[in-house]
Protein backbone atom coordinates (compact mmCIF):
# COMPACT_ATOMS: atom_id res chain seq x y z
CA UNK A 1 -42.90 22.62 103.35
CA UNK A 2 -46.04 23.51 105.27
CA UNK A 3 -47.21 27.06 105.96
CA UNK A 4 -45.94 26.74 109.55
CA UNK A 5 -42.55 25.56 108.29
CA UNK A 6 -42.31 28.64 106.10
CA UNK A 7 -43.37 30.78 109.08
CA UNK A 8 -40.57 29.38 111.25
CA UNK A 9 -38.07 29.85 108.42
CA UNK A 10 -39.30 33.43 107.88
CA UNK A 11 -38.60 34.30 111.53
CA UNK A 12 -35.12 32.77 111.55
CA UNK A 13 -34.22 34.33 108.20
CA UNK A 14 -35.40 37.67 109.56
CA UNK A 15 -32.93 37.37 112.43
CA UNK A 16 -29.92 36.47 110.27
CA UNK A 17 -30.89 39.23 107.81
CA UNK A 18 -30.95 41.61 110.77
CA UNK A 19 -27.46 40.58 111.84
CA UNK A 20 -26.09 41.04 108.31
CA UNK A 21 -27.70 44.39 107.64
CA UNK A 22 -26.65 45.72 111.05
CA UNK A 23 -22.95 45.07 110.40
CA UNK A 24 -23.02 46.37 106.81
CA UNK A 25 -24.83 49.61 107.67
CA UNK A 26 -22.36 50.42 110.45
CA UNK A 27 -19.39 49.91 108.10
CA UNK A 28 -20.80 52.58 105.81
CA UNK A 29 -21.67 55.00 108.63
CA UNK A 30 -18.27 55.07 110.40
CA UNK A 31 -16.95 58.28 108.76
CA UNK A 32 -20.13 60.20 109.70
CA UNK A 33 -19.99 58.87 113.28
CA UNK A 34 -16.37 59.94 113.59
CA UNK A 35 -17.14 63.42 112.30
CA UNK A 36 -20.06 64.12 114.66
CA UNK A 37 -18.67 62.55 117.84
CA UNK A 38 -15.08 63.70 117.27
CA UNK A 39 -13.64 60.19 117.70
CA UNK A 40 -9.98 59.32 117.45
CA UNK A 41 -8.81 56.62 115.05
CA UNK A 42 -8.41 54.24 117.98
CA UNK A 43 -11.96 54.83 119.23
CA UNK A 44 -13.36 54.40 115.72
CA UNK A 45 -11.49 51.12 115.33
CA UNK A 46 -12.87 49.89 118.66
CA UNK A 47 -16.46 50.45 117.54
CA UNK A 48 -15.87 47.64 115.03
CA UNK A 49 -13.54 45.59 117.21
CA UNK A 50 -15.95 45.55 120.16
CA UNK A 51 -18.62 43.82 118.06
CA UNK A 52 -16.10 41.33 116.67
CA UNK A 53 -14.87 40.47 120.18
CA UNK A 54 -18.37 39.99 121.55
CA UNK A 55 -19.53 37.98 118.54
CA UNK A 56 -16.47 35.80 118.06
CA UNK A 57 -15.62 35.38 121.74
CA UNK A 58 -19.01 34.16 122.96
CA UNK A 59 -20.14 32.13 119.95
CA UNK A 60 -19.16 28.70 121.30
CA UNK A 61 -20.80 29.43 124.63
CA UNK A 62 -23.86 30.70 122.79
CA UNK A 63 -24.15 27.55 120.71
CA UNK A 64 -23.92 25.26 123.72
CA UNK A 65 -26.34 27.43 125.73
CA UNK A 66 -28.93 26.86 123.01
CA UNK A 67 -28.54 23.08 123.46
CA UNK A 68 -28.71 23.22 127.24
CA UNK A 69 -31.25 25.94 128.03
CA UNK A 70 -33.55 25.82 125.02
CA UNK A 71 -33.07 27.14 121.51
CA UNK A 72 -36.29 29.14 121.43
CA UNK A 73 -35.61 30.66 124.85
CA UNK A 74 -32.06 31.71 123.94
CA UNK A 75 -33.14 33.04 120.56
CA UNK A 76 -35.96 35.20 121.96
CA UNK A 77 -34.03 36.48 124.99
CA UNK A 78 -30.90 37.50 123.09
CA UNK A 79 -32.91 38.99 120.22
CA UNK A 80 -34.45 41.26 122.85
CA UNK A 81 -30.97 42.23 124.12
CA UNK A 82 -29.91 42.89 120.51
CA UNK A 83 -32.90 45.20 120.08
CA UNK A 84 -32.22 47.18 123.27
CA UNK A 85 -28.51 47.75 122.77
CA UNK A 86 -28.85 48.59 119.09
CA UNK A 87 -31.19 51.35 120.21
CA UNK A 88 -28.69 52.46 122.86
CA UNK A 89 -26.08 52.93 120.14
CA UNK A 90 -28.40 55.37 118.39
CA UNK A 91 -28.56 57.57 121.51
CA UNK A 92 -24.78 57.60 122.08
CA UNK A 93 -23.14 60.95 122.62
CA UNK A 94 -19.59 59.68 123.11
CA UNK A 95 -17.37 56.93 121.81
CA UNK A 96 -17.37 54.70 124.90
CA UNK A 97 -21.15 54.42 125.02
CA UNK A 98 -21.09 53.30 121.41
CA UNK A 99 -18.27 50.82 122.07
CA UNK A 100 -20.11 49.23 125.01
CA UNK A 101 -23.33 49.06 123.01
CA UNK A 102 -21.55 47.35 120.12
CA UNK A 103 -19.84 44.83 122.41
CA UNK A 104 -23.12 43.77 124.03
CA UNK A 105 -24.81 43.69 120.61
CA UNK A 106 -22.04 41.35 119.45
CA UNK A 107 -22.54 39.10 122.49
CA UNK A 108 -26.29 39.03 121.79
CA UNK A 109 -25.62 38.01 118.18
CA UNK A 110 -23.24 35.30 119.43
CA UNK A 111 -26.08 33.67 121.39
CA UNK A 112 -28.88 34.44 118.93
CA UNK A 113 -27.22 33.22 115.71
CA UNK A 114 -26.33 29.62 116.67
CA UNK A 115 -29.70 29.29 118.40
CA UNK A 116 -31.40 30.30 115.14
CA UNK A 117 -29.30 27.91 113.05
CA UNK A 118 -29.97 25.00 115.43
CA UNK A 119 -33.71 25.78 115.33
CA UNK A 120 -33.55 25.19 111.57
CA UNK A 121 -31.50 21.99 111.80
CA UNK A 122 -33.82 20.56 114.47
CA UNK A 123 -37.09 21.76 112.91
CA UNK A 124 -36.37 20.27 109.47
CA UNK A 125 -35.31 16.66 109.11
CA UNK A 126 -31.95 15.94 107.53
CA UNK A 127 -32.22 15.75 103.76
CA UNK A 128 -33.67 17.91 100.97
CA UNK A 129 -36.05 19.88 103.26
CA UNK A 130 -33.26 20.88 105.64
CA UNK A 131 -30.91 21.64 102.75
CA UNK A 132 -33.49 23.93 101.17
CA UNK A 133 -34.13 25.69 104.49
CA UNK A 134 -30.41 26.20 105.11
CA UNK A 135 -29.78 27.53 101.62
CA UNK A 136 -32.66 30.01 101.90
CA UNK A 137 -31.25 30.99 105.31
CA UNK A 138 -27.71 31.52 103.98
CA UNK A 139 -29.01 33.49 101.00
CA UNK A 140 -30.92 35.77 103.36
CA UNK A 141 -27.77 36.37 105.42
CA UNK A 142 -25.85 37.41 102.31
CA UNK A 143 -28.75 39.56 101.14
CA UNK A 144 -28.77 41.38 104.47
CA UNK A 145 -25.13 42.32 104.11
CA UNK A 146 -25.46 43.43 100.49
CA UNK A 147 -28.64 45.44 101.05
CA UNK A 148 -27.13 46.91 104.23
CA UNK A 149 -24.34 48.53 102.21
CA UNK A 150 -26.87 50.53 100.20
CA UNK A 151 -29.41 51.16 102.97
CA UNK A 152 -26.61 52.24 105.30
CA UNK A 153 -25.48 54.84 102.78
CA UNK A 154 -29.04 56.16 102.37
CA UNK A 155 -29.71 56.30 106.12
CA UNK A 156 -26.35 57.92 106.84
CA UNK A 157 -27.20 60.64 104.34
CA UNK A 158 -30.18 61.49 106.59
CA UNK A 159 -28.58 60.89 110.02
CA UNK A 160 -26.13 58.16 111.08
CA UNK A 161 -28.24 57.41 114.17
CA UNK A 162 -30.84 55.77 111.92
CA UNK A 163 -28.26 53.06 111.24
CA UNK A 164 -28.91 51.98 114.85
CA UNK A 165 -32.62 52.79 115.06
CA UNK A 166 -33.60 50.90 111.88
CA UNK A 167 -32.50 47.50 113.32
CA UNK A 168 -34.64 48.21 116.40
CA UNK A 169 -37.77 48.33 114.23
CA UNK A 170 -36.79 45.16 112.36
CA UNK A 171 -35.83 43.40 115.63
CA UNK A 172 -39.23 44.17 117.12
CA UNK A 173 -41.04 42.71 114.10
CA UNK A 174 -38.92 39.55 114.17
CA UNK A 175 -39.38 39.20 117.93
CA UNK A 176 -43.16 39.49 117.64
CA UNK A 177 -43.23 36.84 114.91
CA UNK A 178 -40.87 34.59 116.90
CA UNK A 179 -43.14 34.57 119.95
CA UNK A 180 -46.06 33.54 117.78
CA UNK A 181 -44.46 31.04 115.40
CA UNK A 182 -41.42 29.32 116.93
CA UNK A 183 -42.23 25.88 118.37
CA UNK A 184 -42.10 25.30 122.11
CA UNK A 185 -39.09 23.22 123.19
CA UNK A 186 -39.22 19.68 124.53
CA UNK A 187 -37.78 19.68 128.07
CA UNK A 188 -35.27 16.86 127.48
CA UNK A 189 -32.09 18.53 128.77
CA UNK A 190 -33.14 19.38 132.32
CA UNK A 191 -30.69 18.54 135.09
CA UNK A 192 -27.55 18.65 132.93
CA UNK A 193 -24.68 20.56 134.50
CA UNK A 194 -23.12 23.67 133.00
CA UNK A 195 -19.39 23.37 132.37
CA UNK A 196 -18.46 26.66 134.08
CA UNK A 197 -14.67 26.16 133.94
CA UNK A 198 -14.84 25.23 130.25
CA UNK A 199 -17.13 28.17 129.49
CA UNK A 200 -14.85 30.71 131.16
CA UNK A 201 -11.60 29.33 129.71
CA UNK A 202 -12.76 28.96 126.10
CA UNK A 203 -14.55 32.32 126.02
CA UNK A 204 -11.47 34.09 127.42
CA UNK A 205 -9.23 32.17 125.00
CA UNK A 206 -11.25 33.06 121.91
CA UNK A 207 -11.60 36.71 122.99
CA UNK A 208 -7.82 36.98 123.37
CA UNK A 209 -7.13 35.17 120.08
CA UNK A 210 -9.59 37.35 118.15
CA UNK A 211 -8.20 40.46 119.87
CA UNK A 212 -4.63 39.47 119.02
CA UNK A 213 -5.45 38.79 115.37
CA UNK A 214 -7.65 41.86 114.99
CA UNK A 215 -5.02 44.23 116.46
CA UNK A 216 -1.99 42.64 114.77
CA UNK A 217 -1.92 45.25 112.02
CA UNK A 218 -1.85 48.31 114.30
CA UNK A 219 -0.03 47.31 117.51
CA UNK A 220 3.50 46.27 118.35
CA UNK A 221 4.60 42.73 117.56
CA UNK A 222 5.44 42.08 121.21
CA UNK A 223 1.95 43.03 122.37
CA UNK A 224 0.35 40.98 119.61
CA UNK A 225 2.42 37.86 120.36
CA UNK A 226 1.74 38.23 124.09
CA UNK A 227 -2.02 38.40 123.51
CA UNK A 228 -1.96 35.41 121.16
CA UNK A 229 0.22 33.40 123.57
CA UNK A 230 -2.18 34.09 126.43
CA UNK A 231 -5.09 33.00 124.22
CA UNK A 232 -3.36 29.76 123.22
CA UNK A 233 -2.47 29.02 126.85
CA UNK A 234 -6.11 29.41 127.88
CA UNK A 235 -7.14 27.22 124.94
CA UNK A 236 -4.81 24.51 126.25
CA UNK A 237 -6.42 24.90 129.70
CA UNK A 238 -9.84 24.54 128.07
CA UNK A 239 -8.85 21.28 126.34
CA UNK A 240 -7.52 19.90 129.62
CA UNK A 241 -10.76 20.85 131.39
CA UNK A 242 -12.93 19.29 128.69
CA UNK A 243 -11.04 15.98 128.87
CA UNK A 244 -11.94 15.67 132.55
CA UNK A 245 -15.44 17.15 132.51
CA UNK A 246 -18.46 14.87 132.91
CA UNK A 247 -20.61 17.41 131.01
CA UNK A 248 -18.17 19.25 128.70
CA UNK A 249 -19.06 22.49 126.99
CA UNK A 250 -17.49 21.08 123.79
CA UNK A 251 -17.36 17.30 123.55
CA UNK A 252 -13.98 16.81 121.90
CA UNK A 253 -15.19 13.67 120.13
CA UNK A 254 -17.24 15.87 117.81
CA UNK A 255 -13.99 16.67 115.98
CA UNK A 256 -13.76 13.04 114.84
CA UNK A 257 -16.20 14.05 112.10
CA UNK A 258 -14.11 14.70 108.99
CA UNK A 259 -16.86 16.67 107.19
CA UNK A 260 -17.32 18.93 110.23
CA UNK A 261 -13.58 19.66 110.54
CA UNK A 262 -13.21 20.30 106.80
CA UNK A 263 -16.27 22.54 106.78
CA UNK A 264 -14.97 24.65 109.66
CA UNK A 265 -11.45 25.01 108.25
CA UNK A 266 -12.83 25.88 104.81
CA UNK A 267 -15.28 28.36 106.37
CA UNK A 268 -12.47 30.08 108.29
CA UNK A 269 -10.33 30.47 105.15
CA UNK A 270 -13.27 31.43 102.94
CA UNK A 271 -14.33 34.17 105.39
CA UNK A 272 -10.73 35.42 105.62
CA UNK A 273 -10.55 35.84 101.86
CA UNK A 274 -14.05 37.21 101.37
CA UNK A 275 -13.92 39.94 104.04
CA UNK A 276 -10.31 40.82 103.29
CA UNK A 277 -11.13 41.27 99.60
CA UNK A 278 -14.20 43.43 100.29
CA UNK A 279 -12.15 45.63 102.62
CA UNK A 280 -9.48 46.19 99.96
CA UNK A 281 -12.03 46.94 97.24
CA UNK A 282 -13.65 49.60 99.46
CA UNK A 283 -10.24 51.21 100.11
CA UNK A 284 -9.40 51.12 96.40
CA UNK A 285 -12.67 52.72 95.33
CA UNK A 286 -12.82 55.40 98.04
CA UNK A 287 -9.17 56.24 98.76
CA UNK A 288 -7.66 55.89 95.30
CA UNK A 289 -10.61 56.48 92.99
CA UNK A 290 -12.47 59.00 95.15
CA UNK A 291 -15.84 57.26 94.89
CA UNK A 292 -18.52 58.20 97.40
CA UNK A 293 -19.86 55.80 100.01
CA UNK A 294 -23.09 55.36 98.08
CA UNK A 295 -21.27 54.80 94.76
CA UNK A 296 -19.13 52.14 96.44
CA UNK A 297 -22.19 50.47 97.95
CA UNK A 298 -23.98 50.27 94.61
CA UNK A 299 -20.83 48.98 92.90
CA UNK A 300 -20.50 46.08 95.35
CA UNK A 301 -24.16 45.17 95.62
CA UNK A 302 -23.74 42.80 92.66
CA UNK A 303 -22.01 40.40 95.09
CA UNK A 304 -25.46 40.04 96.66
CA UNK A 305 -26.61 37.96 93.68
CA UNK A 306 -26.02 34.98 95.98
CA UNK A 307 -29.18 35.98 97.84
CA UNK A 308 -31.06 34.95 94.67
CA UNK A 309 -28.89 31.99 93.67
CA UNK A 310 -28.59 30.31 97.10
CA UNK A 311 -32.25 29.22 97.36
CA UNK A 312 -32.72 28.60 93.61
CA UNK A 313 -29.59 27.35 91.84
CA UNK A 314 -27.58 25.88 94.73
CA UNK A 315 -30.16 23.26 95.86
CA UNK A 316 -30.26 21.84 92.33
CA UNK A 317 -26.48 21.67 92.15
CA UNK A 318 -26.23 20.01 95.57
CA UNK A 319 -28.86 17.43 94.56
CA UNK A 320 -27.05 16.65 91.31
CA UNK A 321 -23.36 16.83 92.22
CA UNK A 322 -23.27 16.47 96.00
CA UNK A 323 -22.38 18.92 98.74
CA UNK A 324 -18.59 18.42 98.65
CA UNK A 325 -18.31 19.08 94.92
CA UNK A 326 -20.41 22.22 95.10
CA UNK A 327 -18.28 23.58 97.96
CA UNK A 328 -15.09 22.79 96.05
CA UNK A 329 -16.44 24.54 92.95
CA UNK A 330 -17.46 27.59 94.95
CA UNK A 331 -14.01 27.92 96.53
CA UNK A 332 -12.30 27.61 93.14
CA UNK A 333 -14.58 30.35 91.79
CA UNK A 334 -13.63 32.56 94.75
CA UNK A 335 -9.95 32.06 93.91
CA UNK A 336 -10.73 32.96 90.27
CA UNK A 337 -12.56 36.13 91.35
CA UNK A 338 -9.57 37.28 93.42
CA UNK A 339 -7.10 36.34 90.68
CA UNK A 340 -8.95 38.47 88.13
CA UNK A 341 -8.60 41.49 90.45
CA UNK A 342 -4.86 41.04 91.12
CA UNK A 343 -3.72 43.27 88.21
CA UNK A 344 -6.07 46.10 89.23
CA UNK A 345 -5.13 49.43 87.68
CA UNK A 346 -5.42 53.02 88.83
CA UNK A 347 -8.09 53.80 86.23
CA UNK A 348 -10.09 50.57 85.98
CA UNK A 349 -13.63 51.06 84.77
CA UNK A 350 -16.51 49.34 86.53
CA UNK A 351 -16.91 46.82 83.65
CA UNK A 352 -13.29 45.78 84.31
CA UNK A 353 -14.13 45.09 87.97
CA UNK A 354 -17.50 43.50 87.31
CA UNK A 355 -16.28 39.94 86.44
CA UNK A 356 -14.55 39.61 89.82
CA UNK A 357 -17.56 40.89 91.75
CA UNK A 358 -20.18 38.77 89.95
CA UNK A 359 -18.03 35.61 90.15
CA UNK A 360 -17.51 36.24 93.87
CA UNK A 361 -21.28 36.46 94.33
CA UNK A 362 -21.66 33.11 92.57
CA UNK A 363 -18.84 31.64 94.66
CA UNK A 364 -20.53 32.75 97.86
CA UNK A 365 -23.78 31.13 96.74
CA UNK A 366 -22.02 27.83 96.08
CA UNK A 367 -19.84 27.80 99.21
CA UNK A 368 -21.61 29.47 102.14
CA UNK A 369 -24.86 27.49 102.32
CA UNK A 370 -23.32 24.08 101.53
CA UNK A 371 -20.63 24.71 104.18
CA UNK A 372 -23.45 25.27 106.67
CA UNK A 373 -25.01 21.97 105.62
CA UNK A 374 -21.68 20.12 105.87
CA UNK A 375 -20.96 21.53 109.34
CA UNK A 376 -24.29 20.31 110.77
CA UNK A 377 -24.95 17.09 108.82
CA UNK A 378 -24.73 13.90 110.84
CA UNK A 379 -24.60 15.73 114.18
CA UNK A 380 -27.13 14.61 116.80
CA UNK A 381 -29.96 17.00 117.62
CA UNK A 382 -28.64 17.50 121.14
CA UNK A 383 -25.43 19.06 119.73
CA UNK A 384 -26.80 21.10 116.85
CA UNK A 385 -26.30 24.34 118.79
CA UNK A 386 -22.67 23.41 119.42
CA UNK A 387 -22.14 22.62 115.72
CA UNK A 388 -23.62 25.99 114.76
CA UNK A 389 -21.44 27.75 117.34
CA UNK A 390 -18.32 26.09 115.95
CA UNK A 391 -19.20 27.11 112.40
CA UNK A 392 -19.93 30.75 113.20
CA UNK A 393 -16.82 30.96 115.39
CA UNK A 394 -14.84 29.80 112.35
CA UNK A 395 -16.49 32.41 110.13
CA UNK A 396 -15.92 35.20 112.65
CA UNK A 397 -12.33 34.25 113.45
CA UNK A 398 -11.63 33.93 109.73
CA UNK A 399 -13.06 37.40 109.06
CA UNK A 400 -10.85 38.91 111.78
CA UNK A 401 -7.81 37.01 110.47
CA UNK A 402 -8.43 38.09 106.87
CA UNK A 403 -8.96 41.76 107.72
CA UNK A 404 -5.85 41.83 109.89
CA UNK A 405 -3.70 40.05 107.29
CA UNK A 406 -4.69 42.26 104.34
CA UNK A 407 -4.25 45.39 106.47
CA UNK A 408 -0.77 44.33 107.60
CA UNK A 409 0.36 43.51 104.05
CA UNK A 410 -1.21 46.68 102.67
CA UNK A 411 0.54 48.89 105.22
CA UNK A 412 3.88 47.14 104.71
CA UNK A 413 3.71 47.41 100.91
CA UNK A 414 2.54 51.04 100.75
CA UNK A 415 5.41 53.54 100.59
CA UNK A 416 3.86 56.99 100.74
CA UNK A 417 0.56 58.59 99.77
CA UNK A 418 1.05 58.75 96.01
CA UNK A 419 -1.53 56.90 93.87
CA UNK A 420 1.14 54.50 92.61
CA UNK A 421 2.16 53.67 96.19
CA UNK A 422 -1.46 53.04 97.22
CA UNK A 423 -1.96 50.81 94.20
CA UNK A 424 1.17 48.79 95.05
CA UNK A 425 -0.20 48.23 98.54
CA UNK A 426 -3.57 47.03 97.26
CA UNK A 427 -2.00 44.66 94.74
CA UNK A 428 0.25 43.10 97.37
CA UNK A 429 -2.58 42.67 99.84
CA UNK A 430 -4.88 41.10 97.22
CA UNK A 431 -2.60 38.04 97.25
CA UNK A 432 -3.91 37.23 100.76
CA UNK A 433 -7.54 36.45 99.79
CA UNK A 434 -6.33 34.62 96.67
CA UNK A 435 -4.07 32.37 98.76
CA UNK A 436 -6.79 31.84 101.39
CA UNK A 437 -9.28 30.68 98.74
CA UNK A 438 -6.76 28.27 97.19
CA UNK A 439 -5.93 26.72 100.58
CA UNK A 440 -9.65 26.44 101.38
CA UNK A 441 -10.21 24.63 98.07
CA UNK A 442 -7.34 22.26 98.90
CA UNK A 443 -8.85 21.47 102.30
CA UNK A 444 -12.30 20.85 100.81
CA UNK A 445 -10.81 18.62 98.09
CA UNK A 446 -10.22 15.91 100.72
CA UNK A 447 -13.97 15.46 100.91
CA UNK A 448 -14.48 14.83 97.20
CA UNK A 449 -14.11 11.07 97.56
CA UNK A 450 -16.78 10.94 100.26
CA UNK A 451 -20.37 9.92 99.41
CA UNK A 452 -22.48 12.69 97.96
CA UNK A 453 -24.07 13.25 101.32
CA UNK A 454 -22.14 12.98 104.55
CA UNK A 455 -23.74 10.19 106.53
CA UNK A 456 -21.54 10.23 109.60
CA UNK A 457 -23.43 10.37 112.84
CA UNK A 458 -21.20 11.59 115.63
CA UNK A 459 -22.52 10.46 118.98
CA UNK A 460 -20.97 10.75 122.45
CA UNK A 461 -18.27 8.15 122.90
CA UNK A 462 -18.28 6.96 119.29
CA UNK A 463 -16.38 7.50 116.09
CA UNK A 464 -18.25 8.63 112.96
CA UNK A 465 -20.06 5.89 111.12
């Protein structure tokens, strides 16, 4: 790749690193925020939920906006919004200011992230160069989350507000580089109508579905089912609107691509298992073992080995064995990592936990980047933003589903506050990520008979070829 190619990739990797480190640092800082602002459990939960709703709910709209209004324009504008509202969170003196700031930050990420991914897939031609760029990109995303766990603990030890101010500094640097390095768009989409009815219905549907899933573990079953039913009804309205729209927000024919559908289903299940497992490990280490936030962060940073393996090992494996086989292997390794942790004991040493954590890091390296490749391969340039939006919606919805499922099982299986009761709850809940990884591997197995590289080109009005 040329020096300019590396410059473009540096900017886009900076943005996805920013998104990862922002989320991870906040996770670590929540207890300190609660203590200083005097937040209730409900308010503390909404600080996380608000970001999830904004991110997951607006992702599809964000991906299509990048296609219609310009990827560079959307990336730069929403990176600026991300910068401003991250800073606002640092000045918050009450819970609601923080909740609003996190919601808008999530919306900004929902527009910025698919725009960044589509800038990669349209700046690098399909093949080894794009694969390498996407694998470097995915490794950077994972590195941001892993490093954020440790940096968040260090910054929180000084003052939790730095968890919000630090991303402002990084955002400004990325924004400055973006204005200088990102290529100017070609004005080839002017005059195309915006599908307003589709945009409103699908955004409302996804917000309600994510809200229903996210709150399932701590609200009544009637309220949860009502929220999910409303979301599904709006999703049905969206499908009806798209069938009749001359310029649909989501062209339904894109789902004729088998690799795209498999990639999105596998991504949803992989994210459900990955985030659910991490959540349970944090609870085990801090609630049962009494480890500090910083000790927990350093213990889990080994998962971040994928930041090294994604741009180095994974491209070689993809070139030799094909994308589908690498994804399948990564998902099987994830299932193995969760299986090894199922018999967790009350006094496990770190060496006993280490195999699960290191194997999970390897699994992430083999699955995450290749899933990104599979979800965007063969899709026309004009719909790359949409493909990215679909993928990140799957990841976000999967994360919400996994966290809700492991929480519900954990609560149901925990009978009291005794260490043995807590351990029983963790062991029961650990079955959820294990099952999710196995189902994801089963889904991806249907692609093993395909050619090593998906060659389907999905164009408007056509089936894959």
